[in-house]
Amino acid sequence: MKSFTLINPTTLDGALEALVQAMDRRGRSKAALLAGGQDLLTELKEHLAEPEKVVNLKGVPGLATIQVDGALLRIGALASIEAIESHPIIRERAPALAEAAATIASPQIRSVGTIGGNLCQRPRCWYYRLEEAKCIKKGGAECFSYSGRNKYNAIFGGGPSYIVHPSDLATVLTTLDAQVVILSPKGTQTLPIERFFTLPSEGSVLKETVLKPDEIVVEVQVPLDALSQYSAWSKFKERASYDWALSSVCVAVVKDGSTVKRARVTLGGVAPIPWRVPAVEALLVGKSLDEATIAAACEEALRGAEPLSENGYKIPLTKGLLTRVLRSLA
């Protein structure tokens, strides 16, 4: 691990100032933000990140709160995964969010990891994590997974990088129409979470989000409406504990009797961003969740998938997860 200077600001203004001071004339940052630290410390040890300064947010008060403000759930960026999993209001009014939090890593990691860090964590692709492999995510010329070992990589939205985004919470929050509150020297902006993540072909292939070097995620906001209350989540991982999703599914619906009036469907573990499928949402509206509708929804959800040499299993796997979730909501 390369040595660095640890900065411990006690205000958000102090944290922003530290980030700004760490930028060079080309706008490149020489600093990294520390929230829970579960992903950052791994990157430091593997020399994937070598900042000159690490700005520790843990001393900034108010960033770990979870509160209901009218019809809005406000989750501070430093709120722990465990706090989200166990919060009574989240469990009652946004059950899929609590369910997803409970599937992340181990109890020890959930007690330390934060929602902000979970959304901003880096890819788990073998080639990205291998220090010696200069893949396209690290400034190289190619994505080695495309023609190499790609069991865990994308079947949607890939190219020029075929990573999948590792955040389970991102998949659920996309389904629940959440927003991310970002602080920068220019002030605060609230961004729909679907615009927070970027495909490799749309933004910088070196990044997974629109977050700039002088910006900080300070809060996540979730509307507490019928769509969040009638939500469900399912995830398949290779190991029973401490593992990322091979595939995951989150669905939220509003029904009038047995008829679906609104629907949101997002797939995880299959694309470089949480993969929302509006075609499935449109298919569900106006129908009951019977077996014929569920089967049609599963076919539509995986239409256009482009598996690589080793990850074609994600198509039937994701169909199975979607079937399970839709049956639970029926």
C-alpha atoms as a PDB file:
ATOM      1  CA  MET A   1       0.000   0.000   0.000  1.00  0.00           C
ATOM      2  CA  LYS A   2       1.297   3.439  -0.927  1.00  0.00           C
ATOM      3  CA  SER A   3       1.512   5.850   2.009  1.00  0.00           C
ATOM      4  CA  PHE A   4      -1.026   8.680   2.142  1.00  0.00           C
ATOM      5  CA  THR A   5      -2.096  11.562   4.335  1.00  0.00           C
ATOM      6  CA  LEU A   6      -5.304  10.941   6.286  1.00  0.00           C
ATOM      7  CA  ILE A   7      -7.530  14.000   6.575  1.00  0.00           C
ATOM      8  CA  ASN A   8     -10.305  14.021   9.176  1.00  0.00           C
ATOM      9  CA  PRO A   9     -12.687  16.913   8.461  1.00  0.00           C
ATOM     10  CA  THR A  10     -15.497  17.640  10.904  1.00  0.00           C
ATOM     11  CA  THR A  11     -17.735  19.431   8.396  1.00  0.00           C
ATOM     12  CA  LEU A  12     -18.845  18.834   4.827  1.00  0.00           C
ATOM     13  CA  ASP A  13     -17.279  22.148   3.827  1.00  0.00           C
ATOM     14  CA  GLY A  14     -13.991  20.899   5.232  1.00  0.00           C
ATOM     15  CA  ALA A  15     -14.302  17.659   3.282  1.00  0.00           C
ATOM     16  CA  LEU A  16     -15.026  19.563   0.047  1.00  0.00           C
ATOM     17  CA  GLU A  17     -12.085  21.870   0.632  1.00  0.00           C
ATOM     18  CA  ALA A  18      -9.780  18.876   1.076  1.00  0.00           C
ATOM     19  CA  LEU A  19     -11.000  17.386  -2.218  1.00  0.00           C
ATOM     20  CA  VAL A  20     -10.531  20.649  -4.095  1.00  0.00           C
ATOM     21  CA  GLN A  21      -7.024  21.136  -2.734  1.00  0.00           C
ATOM     22  CA  ALA A  22      -6.094  17.634  -3.855  1.00  0.00           C
ATOM     23  CA  MET A  23      -6.922  18.292  -7.530  1.00  0.00           C
ATOM     24  CA  ASP A  24      -4.192  19.054 -10.030  1.00  0.00           C
ATOM     25  CA  ARG A  25      -4.355  21.636 -12.831  1.00  0.00           C
ATOM     26  CA  ARG A  26      -5.926  19.123 -15.202  1.00  0.00           C
ATOM     27  CA  GLY A  27      -8.794  18.486 -12.814  1.00  0.00           C
ATOM     28  CA  ARG A  28      -7.505  15.086 -11.755  1.00  0.00           C
ATOM     29  CA  SER A  29      -7.912  14.125  -8.141  1.00  0.00           C
ATOM     30  CA  LYS A  30      -5.127  12.965  -5.847  1.00  0.00           C
ATOM     31  CA  ALA A  31      -7.598  12.197  -3.056  1.00  0.00           C
ATOM     32  CA  ALA A  32     -10.065   9.448  -2.196  1.00  0.00           C
ATOM     33  CA  LEU A  33     -13.116   9.559   0.044  1.00  0.00           C
ATOM     34  CA  LEU A  34     -13.360   7.125   2.952  1.00  0.00           C
ATOM     35  CA  ALA A  35     -16.857   6.094   4.094  1.00  0.00           C
ATOM     36  CA  GLY A  36     -17.090   2.514   5.379  1.00  0.00           C
ATOM     37  CA  GLY A  37     -13.776   1.715   3.721  1.00  0.00           C
ATOM     38  CA  GLN A  38     -14.602  -1.897   2.781  1.00  0.00           C
ATOM     39  CA  ASP A  39     -13.866  -1.393  -0.917  1.00  0.00           C
ATOM     40  CA  LEU A  40     -11.323   1.431  -0.706  1.00  0.00           C
ATOM     41  CA  LEU A  41      -8.964  -0.421   1.618  1.00  0.00           C
ATOM     42  CA  THR A  42      -8.924  -3.389  -0.755  1.00  0.00           C
ATOM     43  CA  GLU A  43      -8.092  -1.115  -3.666  1.00  0.00           C
ATOM     44  CA  LEU A  44      -5.297   0.517  -1.668  1.00  0.00           C
ATOM     45  CA  LYS A  45      -3.781  -2.840  -0.797  1.00  0.00           C
ATOM     46  CA  GLU A  46      -3.909  -3.983  -4.413  1.00  0.00           C
ATOM     47  CA  HIS A  47      -2.516  -0.663  -5.714  1.00  0.00           C
ATOM     48  CA  LEU A  48      -5.654  -0.072  -7.754  1.00  0.00           C
ATOM     49  CA  ALA A  49      -5.988   3.255  -5.990  1.00  0.00           C
ATOM     50  CA  GLU A  50      -2.962   5.274  -4.870  1.00  0.00           C
ATOM     51  CA  PRO A  51      -4.256   8.606  -3.552  1.00  0.00           C
ATOM     52  CA  GLU A  52      -1.957  11.070  -1.883  1.00  0.00           C
ATOM     53  CA  LYS A  53      -4.747  11.983   0.536  1.00  0.00           C
ATOM     54  CA  VAL A  54      -7.654  10.052   2.015  1.00  0.00           C
ATOM     55  CA  VAL A  55     -10.537  12.207   3.242  1.00  0.00           C
ATOM     56  CA  ASN A  56     -12.329  10.443   6.086  1.00  0.00           C
ATOM     57  CA  LEU A  57     -16.033  11.344   6.240  1.00  0.00           C
ATOM     58  CA  LYS A  58     -16.724   9.521   9.497  1.00  0.00           C
ATOM     59  CA  GLY A  59     -16.125  12.626  11.590  1.00  0.00           C
ATOM     60  CA  VAL A  60     -18.757  14.692   9.754  1.00  0.00           C
ATOM     61  CA  PRO A  61     -21.928  14.719  11.889  1.00  0.00           C
ATOM     62  CA  GLY A  62     -25.370  13.957  10.490  1.00  0.00           C
ATOM     63  CA  LEU A  63     -24.331  11.723   7.592  1.00  0.00           C
ATOM     64  CA  ALA A  64     -25.517   8.463   9.177  1.00  0.00           C
ATOM     65  CA  THR A  65     -29.106   9.408   9.938  1.00  0.00           C
ATOM     66  CA  ILE A  66     -32.193   7.615   8.614  1.00  0.00           C
ATOM     67  CA  GLN A  67     -35.378   9.631   8.884  1.00  0.00           C
ATOM     68  CA  VAL A  68     -38.823  10.009   7.350  1.00  0.00           C
ATOM     69  CA  ASP A  69     -39.620  13.466   6.061  1.00  0.00           C
ATOM     70  CA  GLY A  70     -43.268  13.425   5.024  1.00  0.00           C
ATOM     71  CA  ALA A  71     -43.552  10.862   2.235  1.00  0.00           C
ATOM     72  CA  LEU A  72     -39.773  10.775   1.741  1.00  0.00           C
ATOM     73  CA  LEU A  73     -37.278   8.400   3.304  1.00  0.00           C
ATOM     74  CA  ARG A  74     -33.946  10.170   3.752  1.00  0.00           C
ATOM     75  CA  ILE A  75     -30.888   7.984   4.252  1.00  0.00           C
ATOM     76  CA  GLY A  76     -27.567   9.638   5.050  1.00  0.00           C
ATOM     77  CA  ALA A  77     -24.632   8.456   2.956  1.00  0.00           C
ATOM     78  CA  LEU A  78     -22.871   6.998   6.010  1.00  0.00           C
ATOM     79  CA  ALA A  79     -25.883   5.020   7.199  1.00  0.00           C
ATOM     80  CA  SER A  80     -24.695   1.442   7.600  1.00  0.00           C
ATOM     81  CA  ILE A  81     -26.050  -1.485   5.608  1.00  0.00           C
ATOM     82  CA  GLU A  82     -27.051  -3.097   8.913  1.00  0.00           C
ATOM     83  CA  ALA A  83     -29.032  -0.005   9.932  1.00  0.00           C
ATOM     84  CA  ILE A  84     -30.945  -0.149   6.636  1.00  0.00           C
ATOM     85  CA  GLU A  85     -31.557  -3.879   7.036  1.00  0.00           C
ATOM     86  CA  SER A  86     -32.984  -3.519  10.551  1.00  0.00           C
ATOM     87  CA  HIS A  87     -34.802  -0.166  10.354  1.00  0.00           C
ATOM     88  CA  PRO A  88     -38.496  -0.789  11.187  1.00  0.00           C
ATOM     89  CA  ILE A  89     -39.878   1.793   8.763  1.00  0.00           C
ATOM     90  CA  ILE A  90     -37.758   0.474   5.877  1.00  0.00           C
ATOM     91  CA  ARG A  91     -38.796  -3.098   6.661  1.00  0.00           C
ATOM     92  CA  GLU A  92     -42.457  -2.082   6.633  1.00  0.00           C
ATOM     93  CA  ARG A  93     -42.639   0.497   3.846  1.00  0.00           C
ATOM     94  CA  ALA A  94     -39.750  -0.430   1.537  1.00  0.00           C
ATOM     95  CA  PRO A  95     -39.293  -4.168   2.172  1.00  0.00           C
ATOM     96  CA  ALA A  96     -37.167  -4.861  -0.915  1.00  0.00           C
ATOM     97  CA  LEU A  97     -34.534  -2.417   0.351  1.00  0.00           C
ATOM     98  CA  ALA A  98     -34.316  -4.195   3.700  1.00  0.00           C
ATOM     99  CA  GLU A  99     -34.247  -7.587   1.959  1.00  0.00           C
ATOM    100  CA  ALA A 100     -31.396  -6.548  -0.313  1.00  0.00           C
ATOM    101  CA  ALA A 101     -29.386  -5.079   2.556  1.00  0.00           C
ATOM    102  CA  ALA A 102     -29.684  -8.379   4.421  1.00  0.00           C
ATOM    103  CA  THR A 103     -28.050 -10.272   1.531  1.00  0.00           C
ATOM    104  CA  ILE A 104     -24.911  -8.125   1.381  1.00  0.00           C
ATOM    105  CA  ALA A 105     -21.635  -9.690   2.531  1.00  0.00           C
ATOM    106  CA  SER A 106     -21.429 -10.714   6.205  1.00  0.00           C
ATOM    107  CA  PRO A 107     -22.949  -9.226   9.390  1.00  0.00           C
ATOM    108  CA  GLN A 108     -19.565  -7.754  10.290  1.00  0.00           C
ATOM    109  CA  ILE A 109     -19.225  -6.006   6.925  1.00  0.00           C
ATOM    110  CA  ARG A 110     -22.851  -4.829   6.977  1.00  0.00           C
ATOM    111  CA  SER A 111     -22.194  -3.142  10.307  1.00  0.00           C
ATOM    112  CA  VAL A 112     -19.357  -1.109   8.752  1.00  0.00           C
ATOM    113  CA  GLY A 113     -20.292  -0.699   5.081  1.00  0.00           C
ATOM    114  CA  THR A 114     -22.392   2.313   4.149  1.00  0.00           C
ATOM    115  CA  ILE A 115     -25.061   3.046   1.562  1.00  0.00           C
ATOM    116  CA  GLY A 116     -22.890   5.728  -0.055  1.00  0.00           C
ATOM    117  CA  GLY A 117     -19.931   3.396  -0.314  1.00  0.00           C
ATOM    118  CA  ASN A 118     -22.120   0.588  -1.610  1.00  0.00           C
ATOM    119  CA  LEU A 119     -23.372   2.761  -4.469  1.00  0.00           C
ATOM    120  CA  CYS A 120     -19.866   3.977  -5.325  1.00  0.00           C
ATOM    121  CA  GLN A 121     -17.953   0.701  -5.017  1.00  0.00           C
ATOM    122  CA  ARG A 122     -15.759  -0.365  -7.902  1.00  0.00           C
ATOM    123  CA  PRO A 123     -16.205  -3.456 -10.145  1.00  0.00           C
ATOM    124  CA  ARG A 124     -15.351  -6.964  -9.009  1.00  0.00           C
ATOM    125  CA  CYS A 125     -14.181  -8.194 -12.431  1.00  0.00           C
ATOM    126  CA  TRP A 126     -11.151 -10.493 -12.135  1.00  0.00           C
ATOM    127  CA  TYR A 127      -9.102  -8.468 -14.597  1.00  0.00           C
ATOM    128  CA  TYR A 128      -9.858  -5.139 -12.951  1.00  0.00           C
ATOM    129  CA  ARG A 129      -8.937  -6.541  -9.531  1.00  0.00           C
ATOM    130  CA  LEU A 130      -5.718  -8.133 -10.813  1.00  0.00           C
ATOM    131  CA  GLU A 131      -3.007  -5.567 -10.184  1.00  0.00           C
ATOM    132  CA  GLU A 132      -0.835  -6.781 -13.078  1.00  0.00           C
ATOM    133  CA  ALA A 133      -3.614  -6.625 -15.716  1.00  0.00           C
ATOM    134  CA  LYS A 134      -3.946  -3.205 -17.293  1.00  0.00           C
ATOM    135  CA  CYS A 135      -7.480  -3.634 -18.572  1.00  0.00           C
ATOM    136  CA  ILE A 136      -9.586  -0.920 -20.184  1.00  0.00           C
ATOM    137  CA  LYS A 137     -10.977   0.095 -16.776  1.00  0.00           C
ATOM    138  CA  LYS A 138      -7.439   1.008 -15.742  1.00  0.00           C
ATOM    139  CA  GLY A 139      -6.448   2.863 -18.896  1.00  0.00           C
ATOM    140  CA  GLY A 140      -5.527  -0.134 -21.031  1.00  0.00           C
ATOM    141  CA  ALA A 141      -6.578  -0.862 -24.593  1.00  0.00           C
ATOM    142  CA  GLU A 142      -9.038  -3.741 -24.167  1.00  0.00           C
ATOM    143  CA  CYS A 143     -11.526  -5.483 -21.910  1.00  0.00           C
ATOM    144  CA  PHE A 144      -9.839  -8.821 -21.295  1.00  0.00           C
ATOM    145  CA  SER A 145     -13.090 -10.419 -20.155  1.00  0.00           C
ATOM    146  CA  TYR A 146     -14.629 -10.106 -23.621  1.00  0.00           C
ATOM    147  CA  SER A 147     -12.533 -12.980 -24.983  1.00  0.00           C
ATOM    148  CA  GLY A 148     -11.237 -14.291 -21.656  1.00  0.00           C
ATOM    149  CA  ARG A 149     -12.806 -15.492 -18.406  1.00  0.00           C
ATOM    150  CA  ASN A 150     -16.218 -13.852 -18.264  1.00  0.00           C
ATOM    151  CA  LYS A 151     -18.418 -16.007 -16.041  1.00  0.00           C
ATOM    152  CA  TYR A 152     -19.378 -12.988 -13.925  1.00  0.00           C
ATOM    153  CA  ASN A 153     -19.579 -10.318 -16.611  1.00  0.00           C
ATOM    154  CA  ALA A 154     -22.354  -8.436 -18.393  1.00  0.00           C
ATOM    155  CA  ILE A 155     -24.987  -9.794 -20.776  1.00  0.00           C
ATOM    156  CA  PHE A 156     -26.591  -6.364 -21.263  1.00  0.00           C
ATOM    157  CA  GLY A 157     -25.087  -2.952 -21.985  1.00  0.00           C
ATOM    158  CA  GLY A 158     -21.501  -4.167 -22.293  1.00  0.00           C
ATOM    159  CA  GLY A 159     -18.770  -2.630 -24.371  1.00  0.00           C
ATOM    160  CA  PRO A 160     -16.136  -1.402 -24.434  1.00  0.00           C
ATOM    161  CA  SER A 161     -16.079  -2.703 -20.827  1.00  0.00           C
ATOM    162  CA  TYR A 162     -18.143  -5.717 -19.737  1.00  0.00           C
ATOM    163  CA  ILE A 163     -18.135  -5.207 -15.980  1.00  0.00           C
ATOM    164  CA  VAL A 164     -21.307  -5.561 -13.935  1.00  0.00           C
ATOM    165  CA  HIS A 165     -22.109  -3.070 -11.218  1.00  0.00           C
ATOM    166  CA  PRO A 166     -21.728  -4.829  -7.857  1.00  0.00           C
ATOM    167  CA  SER A 167     -24.211  -2.789  -5.788  1.00  0.00           C
ATOM    168  CA  ASP A 168     -27.325  -4.666  -4.668  1.00  0.00           C
ATOM    169  CA  LEU A 169     -28.777  -1.519  -3.141  1.00  0.00           C
ATOM    170  CA  ALA A 170     -28.458   0.277  -6.480  1.00  0.00           C
ATOM    171  CA  THR A 171     -30.732  -2.282  -8.141  1.00  0.00           C
ATOM    172  CA  VAL A 172     -33.431  -1.808  -5.511  1.00  0.00           C
ATOM    173  CA  LEU A 173     -33.107   1.965  -5.342  1.00  0.00           C
ATOM    174  CA  THR A 174     -33.481   2.189  -9.124  1.00  0.00           C
ATOM    175  CA  THR A 175     -36.715   0.214  -8.844  1.00  0.00           C
ATOM    176  CA  LEU A 176     -37.951   2.493  -6.061  1.00  0.00           C
ATOM    177  CA  ASP A 177     -37.251   5.652  -8.079  1.00  0.00           C
ATOM    178  CA  ALA A 178     -34.706   6.940  -5.562  1.00  0.00           C
ATOM    179  CA  GLN A 179     -32.629  10.092  -5.862  1.00  0.00           C
ATOM    180  CA  VAL A 180     -29.033  10.795  -4.913  1.00  0.00           C
ATOM    181  CA  VAL A 181     -28.129  14.086  -3.235  1.00  0.00           C
ATOM    182  CA  ILE A 182     -24.667  15.283  -4.291  1.00  0.00           C
ATOM    183  CA  LEU A 183     -22.688  18.123  -2.732  1.00  0.00           C
ATOM    184  CA  SER A 184     -20.070  20.052  -4.725  1.00  0.00           C
ATOM    185  CA  PRO A 185     -18.382  23.462  -4.427  1.00  0.00           C
ATOM    186  CA  LYS A 186     -21.224  24.780  -6.613  1.00  0.00           C
ATOM    187  CA  GLY A 187     -23.884  23.652  -4.155  1.00  0.00           C
ATOM    188  CA  THR A 188     -26.243  20.702  -3.817  1.00  0.00           C
ATOM    189  CA  GLN A 189     -27.999  18.847  -6.606  1.00  0.00           C
ATOM    190  CA  THR A 190     -30.531  16.027  -6.435  1.00  0.00           C
ATOM    191  CA  LEU A 191     -30.151  13.487  -9.197  1.00  0.00           C
ATOM    192  CA  PRO A 192     -32.425  10.555 -10.121  1.00  0.00           C
ATOM    193  CA  ILE A 193     -30.421   7.438  -9.379  1.00  0.00           C
ATOM    194  CA  GLU A 194     -30.832   6.222 -12.967  1.00  0.00           C
ATOM    195  CA  ARG A 195     -28.760   9.217 -14.051  1.00  0.00           C
ATOM    196  CA  PHE A 196     -26.124   8.603 -11.375  1.00  0.00           C
ATOM    197  CA  PHE A 197     -24.773   5.436 -13.022  1.00  0.00           C
ATOM    198  CA  THR A 198     -23.285   5.452 -16.523  1.00  0.00           C
ATOM    199  CA  LEU A 199     -22.680   2.814 -19.168  1.00  0.00           C
ATOM    200  CA  PRO A 200     -19.079   2.412 -20.376  1.00  0.00           C
ATOM    201  CA  SER A 201     -20.203   3.490 -23.844  1.00  0.00           C
ATOM    202  CA  GLU A 202     -21.863   6.671 -22.578  1.00  0.00           C
ATOM    203  CA  GLY A 203     -19.518   8.148 -19.988  1.00  0.00           C
ATOM    204  CA  SER A 204     -15.885   7.626 -19.099  1.00  0.00           C
ATOM    205  CA  VAL A 205     -14.976   3.960 -19.347  1.00  0.00           C
ATOM    206  CA  LEU A 206     -12.792   4.527 -16.270  1.00  0.00           C
ATOM    207  CA  LYS A 207     -15.818   5.363 -14.110  1.00  0.00           C
ATOM    208  CA  GLU A 208     -19.175   3.851 -13.181  1.00  0.00           C
ATOM    209  CA  THR A 209     -20.936   7.012 -11.983  1.00  0.00           C
ATOM    210  CA  VAL A 210     -21.208  10.684 -12.902  1.00  0.00           C
ATOM    211  CA  LEU A 211     -19.599  11.689  -9.595  1.00  0.00           C
ATOM    212  CA  LYS A 212     -16.813  14.222 -10.113  1.00  0.00           C
ATOM    213  CA  PRO A 213     -13.573  14.395  -8.101  1.00  0.00           C
ATOM    214  CA  ASP A 214     -14.857  17.362  -6.069  1.00  0.00           C
ATOM    215  CA  GLU A 215     -18.308  15.917  -5.337  1.00  0.00           C
ATOM    216  CA  ILE A 216     -19.646  13.933  -2.371  1.00  0.00           C
ATOM    217  CA  VAL A 217     -22.760  11.773  -2.094  1.00  0.00           C
ATOM    218  CA  VAL A 218     -24.432  13.005   1.101  1.00  0.00           C
ATOM    219  CA  GLU A 219     -27.886  11.415   1.023  1.00  0.00           C
ATOM    220  CA  VAL A 220     -30.214   8.991  -0.737  1.00  0.00           C
ATOM    221  CA  GLN A 221     -33.924   9.801  -0.902  1.00  0.00           C
ATOM    222  CA  VAL A 222     -36.634   7.191  -1.448  1.00  0.00           C
ATOM    223  CA  PRO A 223     -40.321   8.047  -2.034  1.00  0.00           C
ATOM    224  CA  LEU A 224     -42.402   6.098   0.469  1.00  0.00           C
ATOM    225  CA  ASP A 225     -45.430   5.378  -1.685  1.00  0.00           C
ATOM    226  CA  ALA A 226     -47.367   2.285  -2.711  1.00  0.00           C
ATOM    227  CA  LEU A 227     -44.663   1.345  -5.207  1.00  0.00           C
ATOM    228  CA  SER A 228     -42.026   1.062  -2.488  1.00  0.00           C
ATOM    229  CA  GLN A 229     -44.320  -0.790  -0.095  1.00  0.00           C
ATOM    230  CA  TYR A 230     -45.252  -3.524  -2.587  1.00  0.00           C
ATOM    231  CA  SER A 231     -41.725  -4.408  -3.614  1.00  0.00           C
ATOM    232  CA  ALA A 232     -39.767  -7.640  -3.601  1.00  0.00           C
ATOM    233  CA  TRP A 233     -36.180  -8.722  -4.187  1.00  0.00           C
ATOM    234  CA  SER A 234     -34.344 -11.908  -5.055  1.00  0.00           C
ATOM    235  CA  LYS A 235     -30.649 -12.586  -5.531  1.00  0.00           C
ATOM    236  CA  PHE A 236     -28.569 -15.584  -6.495  1.00  0.00           C
ATOM    237  CA  LYS A 237     -24.950 -15.771  -5.400  1.00  0.00           C
ATOM    238  CA  GLU A 238     -22.361 -18.471  -5.833  1.00  0.00           C
ATOM    239  CA  ARG A 239     -21.675 -18.815  -2.126  1.00  0.00           C
ATOM    240  CA  ALA A 240     -24.278 -18.718   0.629  1.00  0.00           C
ATOM    241  CA  SER A 241     -22.595 -15.764   2.322  1.00  0.00           C
ATOM    242  CA  TYR A 242     -20.185 -12.942   1.590  1.00  0.00           C
ATOM    243  CA  ASP A 243     -20.666 -12.845  -2.158  1.00  0.00           C
ATOM    244  CA  TRP A 244     -21.901 -10.599  -4.933  1.00  0.00           C
ATOM    245  CA  ALA A 245     -24.891 -11.328  -7.127  1.00  0.00           C
ATOM    246  CA  LEU A 246     -24.537 -13.544 -10.166  1.00  0.00           C
ATOM    247  CA  SER A 247     -27.979 -12.146 -10.931  1.00  0.00           C
ATOM    248  CA  SER A 248     -30.646 -10.302  -8.980  1.00  0.00           C
ATOM    249  CA  VAL A 249     -34.134  -8.954  -9.561  1.00  0.00           C
ATOM    250  CA  CYS A 250     -36.196  -6.230  -7.915  1.00  0.00           C
ATOM    251  CA  VAL A 251     -39.854  -5.591  -8.777  1.00  0.00           C
ATOM    252  CA  ALA A 252     -42.317  -3.077  -7.361  1.00  0.00           C
ATOM    253  CA  VAL A 253     -45.985  -2.975  -8.295  1.00  0.00           C
ATOM    254  CA  VAL A 254     -49.180  -1.134  -7.469  1.00  0.00           C
ATOM    255  CA  LYS A 255     -52.316  -3.207  -7.984  1.00  0.00           C
ATOM    256  CA  ASP A 256     -56.030  -2.557  -8.120  1.00  0.00           C
ATOM    257  CA  GLY A 257     -57.380  -5.861  -6.965  1.00  0.00           C
ATOM    258  CA  SER A 258     -55.462  -8.364  -9.030  1.00  0.00           C
ATOM    259  CA  THR A 259     -54.681  -5.916 -11.873  1.00  0.00           C
ATOM    260  CA  VAL A 260     -51.289  -4.219 -12.049  1.00  0.00           C
ATOM    261  CA  LYS A 261     -51.596  -0.439 -12.331  1.00  0.00           C
ATOM    262  CA  ARG A 262     -47.902   0.500 -12.045  1.00  0.00           C
ATOM    263  CA  ALA A 263     -44.729  -1.531 -12.222  1.00  0.00           C
ATOM    264  CA  ARG A 264     -40.962  -1.067 -12.011  1.00  0.00           C
ATOM    265  CA  VAL A 265     -38.530  -3.867 -12.814  1.00  0.00           C
ATOM    266  CA  THR A 266     -34.742  -3.772 -12.489  1.00  0.00           C
ATOM    267  CA  LEU A 267     -32.143  -6.490 -12.990  1.00  0.00           C
ATOM    268  CA  GLY A 268     -28.815  -6.603 -11.169  1.00  0.00           C
ATOM    269  CA  GLY A 269     -25.604  -8.493 -11.809  1.00  0.00           C
ATOM    270  CA  VAL A 270     -26.184  -8.491 -15.569  1.00  0.00           C
ATOM    271  CA  ALA A 271     -25.032  -5.046 -16.771  1.00  0.00           C
ATOM    272  CA  PRO A 272     -22.582  -2.233 -15.976  1.00  0.00           C
ATOM    273  CA  ILE A 273     -25.508  -0.328 -14.436  1.00  0.00           C
ATOM    274  CA  PRO A 274     -28.710  -1.390 -12.676  1.00  0.00           C
ATOM    275  CA  TRP A 275     -30.629  -2.656 -15.719  1.00  0.00           C
ATOM    276  CA  ARG A 276     -34.179  -1.346 -15.719  1.00  0.00           C
ATOM    277  CA  VAL A 277     -36.537  -3.019 -18.201  1.00  0.00           C
ATOM    278  CA  PRO A 278     -39.394  -0.644 -19.181  1.00  0.00           C
ATOM    279  CA  ALA A 279     -40.715  -3.134 -21.747  1.00  0.00           C
ATOM    280  CA  VAL A 280     -41.531  -5.564 -18.952  1.00  0.00           C
ATOM    281  CA  GLU A 281     -43.142  -2.807 -16.908  1.00  0.00           C
ATOM    282  CA  ALA A 282     -45.398  -1.926 -19.842  1.00  0.00           C
ATOM    283  CA  LEU A 283     -46.240  -5.596 -20.368  1.00  0.00           C
ATOM    284  CA  LEU A 284     -47.362  -6.013 -16.739  1.00  0.00           C
ATOM    285  CA  VAL A 285     -49.629  -2.958 -16.573  1.00  0.00           C
ATOM    286  CA  GLY A 286     -53.289  -3.816 -17.033  1.00  0.00           C
ATOM    287  CA  LYS A 287     -52.767  -7.520 -16.390  1.00  0.00           C
ATOM    288  CA  SER A 288     -52.975  -9.838 -13.415  1.00  0.00           C
ATOM    289  CA  LEU A 289     -49.861 -11.649 -12.289  1.00  0.00           C
ATOM    290  CA  ASP A 290     -50.942 -15.056 -13.547  1.00  0.00           C
ATOM    291  CA  GLU A 291     -48.560 -17.678 -14.866  1.00  0.00           C
ATOM    292  CA  ALA A 292     -49.017 -16.656 -18.498  1.00  0.00           C
ATOM    293  CA  THR A 293     -48.193 -13.014 -17.734  1.00  0.00           C
ATOM    294  CA  ILE A 294     -45.203 -14.007 -15.626  1.00  0.00           C
ATOM    295  CA  ALA A 295     -43.838 -16.245 -18.375  1.00  0.00           C
ATOM    296  CA  ALA A 296     -44.233 -13.481 -20.945  1.00  0.00           C
ATOM    297  CA  ALA A 297     -42.546 -10.982 -18.622  1.00  0.00           C
ATOM    298  CA  CYS A 298     -39.562 -13.290 -18.166  1.00  0.00           C
ATOM    299  CA  GLU A 299     -39.117 -13.729 -21.897  1.00  0.00           C
ATOM    300  CA  GLU A 300     -39.329  -9.981 -22.472  1.00  0.00           C
ATOM    301  CA  ALA A 301     -36.896  -9.188 -19.650  1.00  0.00           C
ATOM    302  CA  LEU A 302     -34.089 -11.195 -21.256  1.00  0.00           C
ATOM    303  CA  ARG A 303     -34.821 -10.204 -24.840  1.00  0.00           C
ATOM    304  CA  GLY A 304     -31.693  -8.735 -26.408  1.00  0.00           C
ATOM    305  CA  ALA A 305     -29.279 -10.307 -23.939  1.00  0.00           C
ATOM    306  CA  GLU A 306     -25.836 -10.899 -25.446  1.00  0.00           C
ATOM    307  CA  PRO A 307     -24.027 -13.441 -23.276  1.00  0.00           C
ATOM    308  CA  LEU A 308     -20.294 -13.947 -23.545  1.00  0.00           C
ATOM    309  CA  SER A 309     -18.622 -17.348 -23.791  1.00  0.00           C
ATOM    310  CA  GLU A 310     -19.037 -18.325 -20.116  1.00  0.00           C
ATOM    311  CA  ASN A 311     -22.065 -16.440 -18.813  1.00  0.00           C
ATOM    312  CA  GLY A 312     -25.025 -17.673 -20.845  1.00  0.00           C
ATOM    313  CA  TYR A 313     -26.364 -19.270 -17.634  1.00  0.00           C
ATOM    314  CA  LYS A 314     -27.423 -15.781 -16.534  1.00  0.00           C
ATOM    315  CA  ILE A 315     -30.386 -15.877 -18.934  1.00  0.00           C
ATOM    316  CA  PRO A 316     -32.274 -18.828 -17.375  1.00  0.00           C
ATOM    317  CA  LEU A 317     -31.056 -17.843 -13.916  1.00  0.00           C
ATOM    318  CA  THR A 318     -32.492 -14.339 -14.217  1.00  0.00           C
ATOM    319  CA  LYS A 319     -35.748 -15.682 -15.630  1.00  0.00           C
ATOM    320  CA  GLY A 320     -36.033 -17.946 -12.599  1.00  0.00           C
ATOM    321  CA  LEU A 321     -35.431 -15.090 -10.171  1.00  0.00           C
ATOM    322  CA  LEU A 322     -37.959 -12.882 -11.927  1.00  0.00           C
ATOM    323  CA  THR A 323     -40.529 -15.687 -11.822  1.00  0.00           C
ATOM    324  CA  ARG A 324     -39.976 -16.060  -8.076  1.00  0.00           C
ATOM    325  CA  VAL A 325     -40.372 -12.334  -7.401  1.00  0.00           C
ATOM    326  CA  LEU A 326     -43.475 -11.897  -9.545  1.00  0.00           C
ATOM    327  CA  ARG A 327     -45.138 -14.911  -7.917  1.00  0.00           C
ATOM    328  CA  SER A 328     -44.432 -13.432  -4.491  1.00  0.00           C
ATOM    329  CA  LEU A 329     -46.118 -10.175  -5.526  1.00  0.00           C
ATOM    330  CA  ALA A 330     -49.114 -12.022  -6.977  1.00  0.00           C
END
